[in-house]
């Protein structure tokens, strides 16, 4: 059962009392909607601080630390994880397949095709004495 402790100060109005909620590792896991194994992994990584001398966790502080960690992971700041790398790989594969499908439908052209078409269109209009860098000249 989570215990509570009344303290003054912290977030909110200046004189509003703040009740600290303490809990065991299992209560912490329930509070964060995760398994105890995941909670243990976060504690081992240092995302969630070790418990106080009584073996209890400050549930609100742990929730805050977990939210900060999730924001860092989504922003790519926190250390990469296997699941994060798998998600990145899946996105890249999906992008590659989407490009392949667009190419097969004729919605996407190869760069060499576009360059050839543009050179063929510009070459008749540009005289050989046209002052432009050699790398831009189609002739």
Protein backbone atom coordinates (compact mmCIF):
# COMPACT_ATOMS: atom_id res chain seq x y z
CA UNK A 1 0.00 0.00 0.00
CA UNK A 2 1.43 3.38 -0.98
CA UNK A 3 2.12 5.70 1.92
CA UNK A 4 1.71 9.48 1.91
CA UNK A 5 3.72 12.25 3.53
CA UNK A 6 2.65 15.89 3.76
CA UNK A 7 5.21 18.53 2.87
CA UNK A 8 4.92 22.24 2.19
CA UNK A 9 6.30 23.95 -0.89
CA UNK A 10 7.15 22.58 -4.29
CA UNK A 11 4.89 23.04 -7.29
CA UNK A 12 1.62 24.93 -7.14
CA UNK A 13 0.52 27.86 -5.03
CA UNK A 14 3.02 29.09 -2.48
CA UNK A 15 1.19 27.84 0.61
CA UNK A 16 -0.54 24.81 -0.87
CA UNK A 17 0.47 21.58 0.87
CA UNK A 18 1.90 18.90 -1.36
CA UNK A 19 1.34 15.28 -0.45
CA UNK A 20 4.21 13.01 -1.40
CA UNK A 21 3.18 9.53 -2.36
CA UNK A 22 5.59 6.71 -1.68
CA UNK A 23 5.38 3.17 -2.98
CA UNK A 24 7.17 -0.09 -3.44
CA UNK A 25 8.63 -1.20 -6.77
CA UNK A 26 5.41 -3.05 -7.64
CA UNK A 27 3.33 0.04 -6.79
CA UNK A 28 5.70 2.17 -8.88
CA UNK A 29 5.23 -0.18 -11.84
CA UNK A 30 1.44 0.02 -11.50
CA UNK A 31 1.64 3.82 -11.14
CA UNK A 32 3.59 4.04 -14.44
CA UNK A 33 1.44 1.37 -16.17
CA UNK A 34 4.34 -1.01 -16.77
CA UNK A 35 5.60 -4.36 -15.61
CA UNK A 36 7.87 -4.68 -12.61
CA UNK A 37 10.56 -5.98 -14.96
CA UNK A 38 10.43 -2.74 -16.98
CA UNK A 39 10.53 -0.71 -13.77
CA UNK A 40 13.63 -2.66 -12.65
CA UNK A 41 15.28 -1.99 -16.05
CA UNK A 42 14.60 1.75 -15.75
CA UNK A 43 16.03 1.75 -12.23
CA UNK A 44 19.13 -0.14 -13.45
CA UNK A 45 19.60 2.40 -16.30
CA UNK A 46 19.39 5.25 -13.80
CA UNK A 47 16.21 6.70 -15.30
CA UNK A 48 14.46 6.23 -11.98
CA UNK A 49 16.43 6.93 -8.83
CA UNK A 50 17.09 4.20 -6.31
CA UNK A 51 14.62 4.08 -3.41
CA UNK A 52 15.11 5.89 -0.14
CA UNK A 53 16.40 4.08 2.94
CA UNK A 54 13.00 2.49 3.54
CA UNK A 55 12.94 0.91 0.07
CA UNK A 56 10.15 3.22 -1.11
CA UNK A 57 10.02 5.32 -4.25
CA UNK A 58 8.65 8.86 -4.54
CA UNK A 59 5.95 8.06 -7.12
CA UNK A 60 5.56 11.63 -8.41
CA UNK A 61 9.31 12.14 -8.83
CA UNK A 62 9.59 8.79 -10.61
CA UNK A 63 6.71 9.68 -12.93
CA UNK A 64 8.40 12.99 -13.76
CA UNK A 65 11.74 11.27 -14.42
CA UNK A 66 10.02 8.70 -16.66
CA UNK A 67 8.25 11.42 -18.68
CA UNK A 68 11.54 13.28 -19.17
CA UNK A 69 13.16 10.01 -20.30
CA UNK A 70 10.34 9.32 -22.78
CA UNK A 71 10.70 12.83 -24.22
CA UNK A 72 14.44 12.32 -24.64
CA UNK A 73 13.92 8.96 -26.33
CA UNK A 74 11.37 10.42 -28.74
CA UNK A 75 13.71 13.32 -29.53
CA UNK A 76 16.61 10.91 -30.05
CA UNK A 77 18.59 12.32 -27.13
CA UNK A 78 18.55 9.29 -24.86
CA UNK A 79 20.66 6.26 -25.64
CA UNK A 80 19.43 4.19 -28.53
CA UNK A 81 17.66 0.99 -27.68
CA UNK A 82 17.13 -2.14 -29.69
CA UNK A 83 13.43 -1.39 -30.07
CA UNK A 84 14.26 2.16 -31.18
CA UNK A 85 16.68 0.88 -33.80
CA UNK A 86 14.13 -1.69 -34.97
CA UNK A 87 11.54 1.07 -35.33
CA UNK A 88 14.00 3.20 -37.31
CA UNK A 89 14.82 0.25 -39.57
CA UNK A 90 11.12 -0.46 -40.11
CA UNK A 91 10.54 3.21 -41.09
CA UNK A 92 13.46 3.11 -43.55
CA UNK A 93 12.18 -0.13 -45.09
CA UNK A 94 8.69 1.32 -45.40
CA UNK A 95 10.08 4.46 -47.05
CA UNK A 96 12.11 2.34 -49.47
CA UNK A 97 9.09 0.24 -50.39
CA UNK A 98 6.96 3.39 -50.87
CA UNK A 99 9.60 4.83 -53.24
CA UNK A 100 9.79 1.55 -55.15
CA UNK A 101 6.00 1.48 -55.52
CA UNK A 102 5.92 5.13 -56.66
CA UNK A 103 8.63 4.36 -59.24
CA UNK A 104 6.65 1.37 -60.55
CA UNK A 105 3.51 3.53 -60.88
CA UNK A 106 5.49 6.12 -62.82
CA UNK A 107 5.14 8.76 -60.12
CA UNK A 108 8.88 8.92 -59.44
CA UNK A 109 11.62 9.48 -62.03
CA UNK A 110 15.28 8.59 -61.86
CA UNK A 111 17.65 11.54 -61.67
CA UNK A 112 19.44 10.51 -64.87
CA UNK A 113 16.12 10.56 -66.76
CA UNK A 114 15.31 14.09 -65.59
CA UNK A 115 18.82 15.34 -66.44
CA UNK A 116 18.61 13.82 -69.93
CA UNK A 117 15.20 15.39 -70.60
CA UNK A 118 16.34 18.81 -69.37
CA UNK A 119 19.54 18.68 -71.43
CA UNK A 120 17.59 17.73 -74.55
CA UNK A 121 15.17 20.62 -73.96
CA UNK A 122 17.83 23.26 -73.27
CA UNK A 123 20.48 22.28 -75.85
CA UNK A 124 18.66 23.58 -78.98
CA UNK A 125 17.91 26.92 -77.33
CA UNK A 126 21.39 27.65 -76.04
CA UNK A 127 24.06 28.78 -78.52
CA UNK A 128 27.54 27.35 -78.03
CA UNK A 129 28.83 30.82 -77.07
CA UNK A 130 26.37 31.08 -74.21
CA UNK A 131 28.38 32.22 -71.16
CA UNK A 132 27.74 29.64 -68.45
CA UNK A 133 29.96 27.29 -66.52
CA UNK A 134 31.03 24.22 -68.41
CA UNK A 135 29.41 21.86 -65.93
CA UNK A 136 26.02 23.43 -66.70
CA UNK A 137 26.37 23.19 -70.49
CA UNK A 138 24.43 20.36 -72.11
CA UNK A 139 26.67 20.39 -75.23
